[in-house]
């Protein structure tokens, strides 16, 4: 059904939104796109050389933007749905990877953590654990790269302390950041 929604939306913006259960948004996008097409065609029929007319160019650009924004929004919704469907599998790989690393099997643990990132490249916990694994192996470049991704994807700052601790350890700093205060 998901890819059908994307195909419908490619044919007529808004149909895909309707197919995924967002009929109000779908109708609004369809109406906006249709009005844009009608106004663009009407403007093209009125002027002698439409591509030299600013009004035509603005209408055409706006219509194309409506089309593209609709497609990108629908694609974002569908990708999020795929990721949320994969969440249990992702969590299983994360737990397996952490358990393998804890048991000393870092190669297999790394494979499991990479599987998590194959499902969700923005998983901060997988990046953090891979950074710790690479730091333990002495590969500071890869560890820093994963910590950089942690910072990029950690929108809420939930992992700030852990990332700071790992960076301090990589830099050989004696000062490890203090853990965050807990609110009781």
N, C-alpha and C. Protein backbone atom coordinates (compact mmCIF):
# COMPACT_ATOMS: atom_id res chain seq x y z
N UNK A 1 0.82 -1.21 0.00
CA UNK A 1 0.00 0.00 0.00
C UNK A 1 0.86 1.25 0.00
N UNK A 2 2.02 1.20 0.68
CA UNK A 2 2.85 2.40 0.77
C UNK A 2 3.34 2.86 -0.59
N UNK A 3 3.85 1.92 -1.36
CA UNK A 3 4.42 2.30 -2.66
C UNK A 3 3.30 2.65 -3.63
N UNK A 4 2.13 2.09 -3.45
CA UNK A 4 0.98 2.47 -4.26
C UNK A 4 0.65 3.94 -3.99
N UNK A 5 0.73 4.35 -2.73
CA UNK A 5 0.46 5.74 -2.37
C UNK A 5 1.46 6.67 -3.06
N UNK A 6 2.72 6.26 -3.10
CA UNK A 6 3.73 7.09 -3.75
C UNK A 6 3.46 7.19 -5.25
N UNK A 7 3.10 6.07 -5.87
CA UNK A 7 2.79 6.09 -7.31
C UNK A 7 1.56 6.95 -7.60
N UNK A 8 0.54 6.83 -6.77
CA UNK A 8 -0.65 7.66 -6.95
C UNK A 8 -0.30 9.14 -6.83
N UNK A 9 0.55 9.46 -5.89
CA UNK A 9 0.94 10.84 -5.68
C UNK A 9 1.78 11.38 -6.85
N UNK A 10 2.55 10.50 -7.47
CA UNK A 10 3.32 10.93 -8.64
C UNK A 10 2.39 11.27 -9.80
N UNK A 11 1.28 10.52 -9.92
CA UNK A 11 0.30 10.80 -10.97
C UNK A 11 -0.47 12.09 -10.70
N UNK A 12 -0.93 12.23 -9.45
CA UNK A 12 -1.68 13.42 -9.07
C UNK A 12 -1.39 13.71 -7.60
N UNK A 13 -0.69 14.79 -7.33
CA UNK A 13 -0.39 15.12 -5.93
C UNK A 13 -1.65 15.17 -5.09
N UNK A 14 -1.58 14.56 -3.91
CA UNK A 14 -2.71 14.51 -3.00
C UNK A 14 -3.36 13.15 -2.95
N UNK A 15 -3.32 12.41 -4.04
CA UNK A 15 -3.93 11.08 -4.04
C UNK A 15 -3.19 10.14 -3.09
N UNK A 16 -1.89 10.28 -3.02
CA UNK A 16 -1.11 9.44 -2.11
C UNK A 16 -1.44 9.73 -0.66
N UNK A 17 -1.65 11.01 -0.35
CA UNK A 17 -2.02 11.37 1.02
C UNK A 17 -3.37 10.76 1.39
N UNK A 18 -4.29 10.79 0.44
CA UNK A 18 -5.61 10.19 0.67
C UNK A 18 -5.47 8.70 0.89
N UNK A 19 -4.57 8.06 0.12
CA UNK A 19 -4.39 6.61 0.22
C UNK A 19 -3.80 6.18 1.56
N UNK A 20 -3.00 7.06 2.19
CA UNK A 20 -2.40 6.69 3.48
C UNK A 20 -3.23 7.18 4.66
N UNK A 21 -4.44 7.68 4.38
CA UNK A 21 -5.33 8.05 5.48
C UNK A 21 -5.26 9.50 5.88
N UNK A 22 -4.85 10.37 5.00
CA UNK A 22 -4.82 11.81 5.27
C UNK A 22 -5.63 12.53 4.19
N UNK A 23 -6.94 12.29 4.18
CA UNK A 23 -7.75 12.81 3.08
C UNK A 23 -7.85 14.34 3.04
N UNK A 24 -7.89 15.00 4.18
CA UNK A 24 -8.00 16.47 4.18
C UNK A 24 -6.76 17.09 3.55
N UNK A 25 -5.60 16.61 3.94
CA UNK A 25 -4.36 17.12 3.37
C UNK A 25 -4.28 16.76 1.88
N UNK A 26 -4.71 15.56 1.54
CA UNK A 26 -4.70 15.13 0.14
C UNK A 26 -5.58 16.01 -0.73
N UNK A 27 -6.77 16.32 -0.24
CA UNK A 27 -7.68 17.17 -1.02
C UNK A 27 -7.12 18.58 -1.15
N UNK A 28 -6.51 19.09 -0.08
CA UNK A 28 -5.94 20.44 -0.12
C UNK A 28 -4.79 20.50 -1.14
N UNK A 29 -3.92 19.50 -1.12
CA UNK A 29 -2.80 19.48 -2.05
C UNK A 29 -3.30 19.32 -3.49
N UNK A 30 -4.27 18.43 -3.69
CA UNK A 30 -4.83 18.24 -5.04
C UNK A 30 -5.44 19.53 -5.56
N UNK A 31 -6.19 20.22 -4.71
CA UNK A 31 -6.82 21.48 -5.10
C UNK A 31 -5.77 22.53 -5.43
N UNK A 32 -4.78 22.68 -4.57
CA UNK A 32 -3.70 23.65 -4.81
C UNK A 32 -2.97 23.36 -6.13
N UNK A 33 -2.65 22.11 -6.36
CA UNK A 33 -1.93 21.73 -7.57
C UNK A 33 -2.79 21.98 -8.80
N UNK A 34 -4.07 21.60 -8.73
CA UNK A 34 -4.97 21.79 -9.87
C UNK A 34 -5.14 23.27 -10.19
N UNK A 35 -5.33 24.09 -9.17
CA UNK A 35 -5.44 25.54 -9.39
C UNK A 35 -4.15 26.07 -10.01
N UNK A 36 -3.01 25.60 -9.54
CA UNK A 36 -1.73 26.04 -10.12
C UNK A 36 -1.61 25.67 -11.58
N UNK A 37 -2.02 24.46 -11.92
CA UNK A 37 -1.95 24.02 -13.33
C UNK A 37 -2.90 24.85 -14.18
N UNK A 38 -4.13 25.03 -13.72
CA UNK A 38 -5.12 25.79 -14.49
C UNK A 38 -4.65 27.23 -14.69
N UNK A 39 -4.17 27.88 -13.65
CA UNK A 39 -3.69 29.26 -13.78
C UNK A 39 -2.48 29.35 -14.70
N UNK A 40 -1.59 28.37 -14.62
CA UNK A 40 -0.40 28.37 -15.47
C UNK A 40 -0.79 28.21 -16.94
N UNK A 41 -1.69 27.28 -17.23
CA UNK A 41 -2.15 27.07 -18.61
C UNK A 41 -2.91 28.30 -19.11
N UNK A 42 -3.75 28.89 -18.26
CA UNK A 42 -4.50 30.08 -18.65
C UNK A 42 -3.54 31.23 -18.97
N UNK A 43 -2.53 31.40 -18.15
CA UNK A 43 -1.56 32.48 -18.38
C UNK A 43 -0.78 32.23 -19.66
N UNK A 44 -0.44 30.96 -19.92
CA UNK A 44 0.30 30.62 -21.14
C UNK A 44 -0.53 30.90 -22.39
N UNK A 45 -1.84 30.72 -22.31
CA UNK A 45 -2.69 30.95 -23.48
C UNK A 45 -2.96 32.43 -23.73
N UNK A 46 -2.75 33.26 -22.72
CA UNK A 46 -3.02 34.69 -22.85
C UNK A 46 -1.83 35.45 -23.44
N UNK A 47 -0.62 35.08 -23.05
CA UNK A 47 0.56 35.82 -23.50
C UNK A 47 1.16 35.17 -24.74
N UNK A 48 1.88 36.00 -25.52
CA UNK A 48 2.46 35.49 -26.77
C UNK A 48 3.64 34.55 -26.53
N UNK A 49 4.57 34.95 -25.67
CA UNK A 49 5.72 34.08 -25.38
C UNK A 49 5.76 33.84 -23.88
N UNK A 50 5.13 32.74 -23.44
CA UNK A 50 4.96 32.51 -22.00
C UNK A 50 6.25 32.41 -21.22
N UNK A 51 7.31 31.85 -21.80
CA UNK A 51 8.53 31.67 -21.02
C UNK A 51 9.27 32.98 -20.78
N UNK A 52 8.88 34.04 -21.49
CA UNK A 52 9.46 35.36 -21.25
C UNK A 52 8.59 36.20 -20.31
N UNK A 53 7.43 35.67 -19.95
CA UNK A 53 6.49 36.38 -19.08
C UNK A 53 6.76 36.01 -17.62
N UNK A 54 6.93 37.02 -16.78
CA UNK A 54 7.22 36.77 -15.36
C UNK A 54 6.06 36.10 -14.65
N UNK A 55 4.84 36.47 -14.95
CA UNK A 55 3.66 35.87 -14.31
C UNK A 55 3.58 34.38 -14.58
N UNK A 56 3.83 34.00 -15.84
CA UNK A 56 3.82 32.58 -16.20
C UNK A 56 4.92 31.83 -15.46
N UNK A 57 6.10 32.42 -15.42
CA UNK A 57 7.24 31.78 -14.77
C UNK A 57 6.98 31.56 -13.28
N UNK A 58 6.40 32.55 -12.63
CA UNK A 58 6.09 32.43 -11.20
C UNK A 58 5.04 31.35 -10.97
N UNK A 59 3.98 31.34 -11.79
CA UNK A 59 2.94 30.32 -11.65
C UNK A 59 3.49 28.91 -11.89
N UNK A 60 4.31 28.77 -12.92
CA UNK A 60 4.90 27.47 -13.23
C UNK A 60 5.81 27.00 -12.09
N UNK A 61 6.64 27.91 -11.57
CA UNK A 61 7.54 27.56 -10.47
C UNK A 61 6.74 27.17 -9.22
N UNK A 62 5.69 27.91 -8.92
CA UNK A 62 4.88 27.60 -7.74
C UNK A 62 4.20 26.24 -7.88
N UNK A 63 3.71 25.94 -9.07
CA UNK A 63 3.04 24.66 -9.30
C UNK A 63 4.04 23.50 -9.16
N UNK A 64 5.22 23.69 -9.72
CA UNK A 64 6.26 22.66 -9.59
C UNK A 64 6.66 22.49 -8.13
N UNK A 65 6.76 23.57 -7.39
CA UNK A 65 7.12 23.49 -5.97
C UNK A 65 6.05 22.73 -5.18
N UNK A 66 4.79 23.00 -5.47
CA UNK A 66 3.70 22.27 -4.80
C UNK A 66 3.86 20.78 -5.07
N UNK A 67 4.12 20.43 -6.31
CA UNK A 67 4.29 19.03 -6.69
C UNK A 67 5.46 18.40 -5.93
N UNK A 68 6.61 19.07 -5.93
CA UNK A 68 7.80 18.52 -5.28
C UNK A 68 7.65 18.41 -3.76
N UNK A 69 7.09 19.44 -3.15
CA UNK A 69 6.90 19.41 -1.69
C UNK A 69 5.95 18.29 -1.31
N UNK A 70 4.91 18.09 -2.10
CA UNK A 70 3.97 17.00 -1.85
C UNK A 70 4.70 15.66 -1.89
N UNK A 71 5.53 15.45 -2.90
CA UNK A 71 6.25 14.18 -3.04
C UNK A 71 7.22 13.98 -1.87
N UNK A 72 7.94 15.02 -1.50
CA UNK A 72 8.91 14.90 -0.41
C UNK A 72 8.22 14.62 0.92
N UNK A 73 7.10 15.30 1.16
CA UNK A 73 6.37 15.06 2.41
C UNK A 73 5.87 13.63 2.48
N UNK A 74 5.30 13.15 1.37
CA UNK A 74 4.79 11.78 1.35
C UNK A 74 5.93 10.77 1.52
N UNK A 75 7.04 11.02 0.87
CA UNK A 75 8.20 10.14 1.00
C UNK A 75 8.69 10.10 2.44
N UNK A 76 8.73 11.27 3.10
CA UNK A 76 9.14 11.33 4.51
C UNK A 76 8.21 10.52 5.39
N UNK A 77 6.91 10.65 5.17
CA UNK A 77 5.93 9.89 5.95
C UNK A 77 6.14 8.39 5.74
N UNK A 78 6.36 7.99 4.50
CA UNK A 78 6.52 6.56 4.20
C UNK A 78 7.81 6.00 4.77
N UNK A 79 8.90 6.78 4.72
CA UNK A 79 10.17 6.32 5.29
C UNK A 79 10.05 6.17 6.79
N UNK A 80 9.39 7.13 7.44
CA UNK A 80 9.18 7.02 8.89
C UNK A 80 8.36 5.78 9.24
N UNK A 81 7.38 5.47 8.41
CA UNK A 81 6.55 4.29 8.66
C UNK A 81 7.37 3.02 8.52
N UNK A 82 8.26 2.98 7.54
CA UNK A 82 9.12 1.81 7.35
C UNK A 82 10.04 1.65 8.55
N UNK A 83 10.61 2.75 9.03
CA UNK A 83 11.51 2.71 10.18
C UNK A 83 10.76 2.26 11.43
N UNK A 84 9.56 2.79 11.64
CA UNK A 84 8.83 2.39 12.85
C UNK A 84 8.39 0.93 12.78
N UNK A 85 8.11 0.43 11.57
CA UNK A 85 7.79 -0.99 11.42
C UNK A 85 9.00 -1.86 11.74
N UNK A 86 10.19 -1.34 11.47
CA UNK A 86 11.42 -2.09 11.69
C UNK A 86 11.95 -1.94 13.11
N UNK A 87 11.30 -1.13 13.94
CA UNK A 87 11.80 -0.86 15.28
C UNK A 87 12.05 -2.11 16.12
N UNK A 88 11.12 -3.09 16.16
CA UNK A 88 11.41 -4.29 16.96
C UNK A 88 12.65 -5.04 16.46
N UNK A 89 12.82 -5.12 15.15
CA UNK A 89 13.99 -5.80 14.59
C UNK A 89 15.25 -5.01 14.94
N UNK A 90 15.16 -3.70 14.84
CA UNK A 90 16.29 -2.83 15.17
C UNK A 90 16.70 -3.02 16.63
N UNK A 91 15.71 -3.03 17.51
CA UNK A 91 15.98 -3.22 18.94
C UNK A 91 16.62 -4.58 19.21
N UNK A 92 16.18 -5.61 18.50
CA UNK A 92 16.78 -6.94 18.66
C UNK A 92 18.25 -6.93 18.27
N UNK A 93 18.56 -6.27 17.14
CA UNK A 93 19.96 -6.18 16.71
C UNK A 93 20.80 -5.37 17.70
N UNK A 94 20.21 -4.31 18.24
CA UNK A 94 20.94 -3.49 19.21
C UNK A 94 21.25 -4.30 20.47
N UNK A 95 20.25 -4.99 21.00
CA UNK A 95 20.48 -5.81 22.20
C UNK A 95 21.50 -6.91 21.92
N UNK A 96 21.40 -7.55 20.76
CA UNK A 96 22.34 -8.62 20.42
C UNK A 96 23.76 -8.06 20.30
N UNK A 97 23.89 -6.90 19.67
CA UNK A 97 25.21 -6.28 19.52
C UNK A 97 25.83 -5.93 20.85
N UNK A 98 25.05 -5.34 21.74
CA UNK A 98 25.56 -4.97 23.06
C UNK A 98 25.95 -6.21 23.86
N UNK A 99 25.15 -7.26 23.76
CA UNK A 99 25.45 -8.51 24.48
C UNK A 99 26.74 -9.14 23.95
N UNK A 100 26.91 -9.14 22.63
CA UNK A 100 28.12 -9.72 22.05
C UNK A 100 29.36 -8.94 22.44
N UNK A 101 29.27 -7.63 22.44
CA UNK A 101 30.41 -6.80 22.86
C UNK A 101 30.72 -7.04 24.33
N UNK A 102 29.68 -7.15 25.15
CA UNK A 102 29.88 -7.40 26.59
C UNK A 102 30.55 -8.74 26.84
N UNK A 103 30.27 -9.71 25.98
CA UNK A 103 30.89 -11.03 26.11
C UNK A 103 32.28 -11.11 25.48
N UNK A 104 32.73 -10.00 24.87
CA UNK A 104 34.07 -9.97 24.31
C UNK A 104 34.14 -10.29 22.82
N UNK A 105 33.00 -10.48 22.18
CA UNK A 105 32.99 -10.77 20.75
C UNK A 105 32.69 -9.46 20.00
N UNK A 106 33.72 -8.62 19.88
CA UNK A 106 33.51 -7.29 19.32
C UNK A 106 33.23 -7.32 17.82
N UNK A 107 33.77 -8.29 17.10
CA UNK A 107 33.52 -8.36 15.65
C UNK A 107 32.04 -8.63 15.37
N UNK A 108 31.48 -9.62 16.03
CA UNK A 108 30.06 -9.93 15.83
C UNK A 108 29.19 -8.80 16.38
N UNK A 109 29.62 -8.19 17.49
CA UNK A 109 28.88 -7.06 18.05
C UNK A 109 28.85 -5.89 17.09
N UNK A 110 29.99 -5.64 16.44
CA UNK A 110 30.04 -4.56 15.46
C UNK A 110 29.08 -4.83 14.30
N UNK A 111 29.03 -6.08 13.85
CA UNK A 111 28.11 -6.45 12.76
C UNK A 111 26.66 -6.15 13.15
N UNK A 112 26.29 -6.52 14.37
CA UNK A 112 24.92 -6.29 14.82
C UNK A 112 24.62 -4.79 14.92
N UNK A 113 25.58 -4.02 15.43
CA UNK A 113 25.37 -2.58 15.54
C UNK A 113 25.27 -1.94 14.16
N UNK A 114 26.02 -2.46 13.21
CA UNK A 114 25.94 -1.94 11.84
C UNK A 114 24.59 -2.30 11.20
N UNK A 115 24.03 -3.43 11.60
CA UNK A 115 22.69 -3.80 11.11
C UNK A 115 21.65 -2.80 11.62
N UNK A 116 21.84 -2.35 12.84
CA UNK A 116 20.94 -1.33 13.39
C UNK A 116 21.00 -0.08 12.52
N UNK A 117 22.22 0.33 12.16
CA UNK A 117 22.39 1.54 11.35
C UNK A 117 21.90 1.34 9.93
N UNK A 118 21.89 0.10 9.45
CA UNK A 118 21.33 -0.17 8.13
C UNK A 118 19.82 0.06 8.14
N UNK A 119 19.19 -0.23 9.27
CA UNK A 119 17.74 -0.03 9.41
C UNK A 119 17.44 1.44 9.68
N UNK A 120 18.21 2.05 10.59
CA UNK A 120 18.00 3.45 10.97
C UNK A 120 19.36 4.14 11.12
N UNK A 121 19.82 4.83 10.09
CA UNK A 121 21.14 5.46 10.15
C UNK A 121 21.26 6.56 11.20
N UNK A 122 20.15 7.00 11.77
CA UNK A 122 20.21 8.07 12.77
C UNK A 122 20.10 7.55 14.20
N UNK A 123 20.31 6.26 14.42
CA UNK A 123 20.20 5.69 15.76
C UNK A 123 21.43 6.10 16.59
N UNK A 124 21.22 6.98 17.54
CA UNK A 124 22.31 7.55 18.33
C UNK A 124 22.98 6.49 19.20
N UNK A 125 22.19 5.61 19.78
CA UNK A 125 22.75 4.60 20.67
C UNK A 125 23.69 3.66 19.92
N UNK A 126 23.34 3.28 18.70
CA UNK A 126 24.23 2.42 17.91
C UNK A 126 25.51 3.15 17.56
N UNK A 127 25.40 4.43 17.18
CA UNK A 127 26.60 5.21 16.87
C UNK A 127 27.49 5.35 18.10
N UNK A 128 26.89 5.60 19.26
CA UNK A 128 27.66 5.76 20.49
C UNK A 128 28.39 4.47 20.84
N UNK A 129 27.72 3.34 20.73
CA UNK A 129 28.37 2.07 21.05
C UNK A 129 29.44 1.70 20.04
N UNK A 130 29.23 2.02 18.78
CA UNK A 130 30.29 1.80 17.79
C UNK A 130 31.48 2.70 18.07
N UNK A 131 31.22 3.94 18.49
CA UNK A 131 32.32 4.85 18.83
C UNK A 131 33.13 4.28 19.99
N UNK A 132 32.45 3.78 21.00
CA UNK A 132 33.16 3.19 22.15
C UNK A 132 33.96 1.96 21.71
N UNK A 133 33.38 1.17 20.82
CA UNK A 133 34.06 -0.03 20.32
C UNK A 133 35.31 0.35 19.54
N UNK A 134 35.20 1.35 18.66
CA UNK A 134 36.36 1.78 17.89
C UNK A 134 37.42 2.42 18.77
N UNK A 135 36.99 3.17 19.78
CA UNK A 135 37.95 3.77 20.71
C UNK A 135 38.70 2.68 21.48
N UNK A 136 37.98 1.65 21.85
CA UNK A 136 38.61 0.52 22.56
C UNK A 136 39.64 -0.16 21.67
N UNK A 137 39.37 -0.24 20.38
CA UNK A 137 40.31 -0.85 19.43
C UNK A 137 41.46 0.07 19.05
N UNK A 138 41.34 1.35 19.42
CA UNK A 138 42.39 2.31 19.10
C UNK A 138 42.18 3.04 17.79
N UNK A 139 41.02 2.92 17.19
CA UNK A 139 40.72 3.61 15.94
C UNK A 139 39.99 4.91 16.26
N UNK A 140 40.77 5.94 16.61
CA UNK A 140 40.20 7.21 17.07
C UNK A 140 39.44 7.93 15.95
N UNK A 141 39.89 7.78 14.71
CA UNK A 141 39.22 8.47 13.60
C UNK A 141 37.78 7.98 13.45
N UNK A 142 37.58 6.67 13.43
CA UNK A 142 36.23 6.12 13.31
C UNK A 142 35.39 6.44 14.54
N UNK A 143 36.02 6.40 15.70
CA UNK A 143 35.29 6.71 16.93
C UNK A 143 34.79 8.16 16.90
N UNK A 144 35.66 9.09 16.49
CA UNK A 144 35.25 10.50 16.41
C UNK A 144 34.13 10.69 15.39
N UNK A 145 34.21 9.98 14.27
CA UNK A 145 33.17 10.10 13.24
C UNK A 145 31.81 9.68 13.79
N UNK A 146 31.77 8.56 14.51
CA UNK A 146 30.50 8.10 15.09
C UNK A 146 30.01 9.06 16.18
N UNK A 147 30.94 9.63 16.93
CA UNK A 147 30.53 10.60 17.95
C UNK A 147 29.98 11.87 17.30
N UNK A 148 30.56 12.24 16.16
CA UNK A 148 30.05 13.39 15.41
C UNK A 148 28.61 13.12 14.96
N UNK A 149 28.35 11.90 14.49
CA UNK A 149 27.00 11.55 14.08
C UNK A 149 26.06 11.52 15.28
N UNK A 150 26.58 11.11 16.44
CA UNK A 150 25.75 11.14 17.66
C UNK A 150 25.28 12.56 17.92
N UNK A 151 26.20 13.49 17.86
CA UNK A 151 25.85 14.89 18.12
C UNK A 151 24.84 15.39 17.09
N UNK A 152 25.01 14.99 15.84
CA UNK A 152 24.13 15.45 14.77
C UNK A 152 22.71 14.92 14.96
N UNK A 153 22.59 13.64 15.34
CA UNK A 153 21.27 13.02 15.41
C UNK A 153 20.61 13.14 16.78
N UNK A 154 21.36 13.54 17.81
CA UNK A 154 20.81 13.67 19.15
C UNK A 154 20.14 15.03 19.30
N UNK A 155 18.96 15.16 18.78
CA UNK A 155 18.26 16.44 18.74
C UNK A 155 17.91 16.93 20.14
N UNK A 156 17.48 16.03 21.01
CA UNK A 156 17.04 16.42 22.35
C UNK A 156 18.18 16.56 23.34
N UNK A 157 19.39 16.19 22.96
CA UNK A 157 20.52 16.26 23.88
C UNK A 157 20.53 15.15 24.91
N UNK A 158 19.78 14.09 24.65
CA UNK A 158 19.66 12.97 25.59
C UNK A 158 21.01 12.29 25.84
N UNK A 159 21.87 12.27 24.83
CA UNK A 159 23.13 11.54 24.93
C UNK A 159 24.35 12.47 25.10
N UNK A 160 24.12 13.74 25.41
CA UNK A 160 25.22 14.71 25.52
C UNK A 160 26.32 14.25 26.48
N UNK A 161 25.92 13.79 27.65
CA UNK A 161 26.92 13.41 28.65
C UNK A 161 27.76 12.23 28.16
N UNK A 162 27.12 11.22 27.61
CA UNK A 162 27.84 10.04 27.15
C UNK A 162 28.79 10.39 26.01
N UNK A 163 28.33 11.22 25.09
CA UNK A 163 29.18 11.64 23.97
C UNK A 163 30.36 12.45 24.50
N UNK A 164 30.10 13.36 25.42
CA UNK A 164 31.18 14.15 26.03
C UNK A 164 32.18 13.28 26.75
N UNK A 165 31.71 12.27 27.45
CA UNK A 165 32.59 11.34 28.15
C UNK A 165 33.48 10.59 27.17
N UNK A 166 32.91 10.10 26.08
CA UNK A 166 33.69 9.37 25.08
C UNK A 166 34.70 10.29 24.39
N UNK A 167 34.29 11.53 24.09
CA UNK A 167 35.22 12.47 23.47
C UNK A 167 36.37 12.81 24.41
N UNK A 168 36.07 12.99 25.70
CA UNK A 168 37.12 13.27 26.68
C UNK A 168 38.10 12.11 26.77
N UNK A 169 37.58 10.90 26.74
CA UNK A 169 38.44 9.72 26.79
C UNK A 169 39.30 9.62 25.54
N UNK A 170 38.74 9.95 24.38
CA UNK A 170 39.50 9.91 23.13
C UNK A 170 40.61 10.96 23.11
N UNK A 171 40.31 12.12 23.67
CA UNK A 171 41.28 13.20 23.68
C UNK A 171 42.29 13.06 24.82
N UNK A 172 42.13 12.05 25.64
CA UNK A 172 43.05 11.82 26.75
C UNK A 172 42.91 12.84 27.85
N UNK A 173 41.73 13.44 27.95
CA UNK A 173 41.50 14.47 28.95
C UNK A 173 41.28 13.84 30.33
N UNK A 174 41.83 14.49 31.32
CA UNK A 174 41.63 14.04 32.70
C UNK A 174 40.24 14.44 33.20
N UNK A 175 39.70 15.50 32.60
CA UNK A 175 38.41 16.00 33.05
C UNK A 175 37.29 15.34 32.26
N UNK A 176 36.61 14.43 32.90
CA UNK A 176 35.44 13.81 32.32
C UNK A 176 34.25 14.64 32.77
N UNK A 177 33.34 14.98 31.85
CA UNK A 177 32.20 15.80 32.25
C UNK A 177 31.37 15.12 33.35
N UNK A 178 30.86 15.96 34.22
CA UNK A 178 30.02 15.45 35.31
C UNK A 178 28.71 14.91 34.75
N UNK A 179 28.21 13.82 35.32
CA UNK A 179 26.93 13.30 34.83
C UNK A 179 25.82 14.31 35.08
N UNK A 180 24.79 14.27 34.25
CA UNK A 180 23.69 15.24 34.44
C UNK A 180 22.97 14.99 35.74
N UNK A 181 22.47 16.08 36.30
CA UNK A 181 21.73 15.95 37.56
C UNK A 181 20.37 15.33 37.27
N UNK A 182 19.98 14.41 38.12
CA UNK A 182 18.67 13.80 37.94
C UNK A 182 17.63 14.62 38.66
N UNK A 183 16.47 14.72 38.05
CA UNK A 183 15.37 15.48 38.65
C UNK A 183 14.51 14.51 39.44
N UNK A 184 14.36 14.80 40.70
CA UNK A 184 13.54 13.92 41.54
C UNK A 184 12.32 14.60 42.00
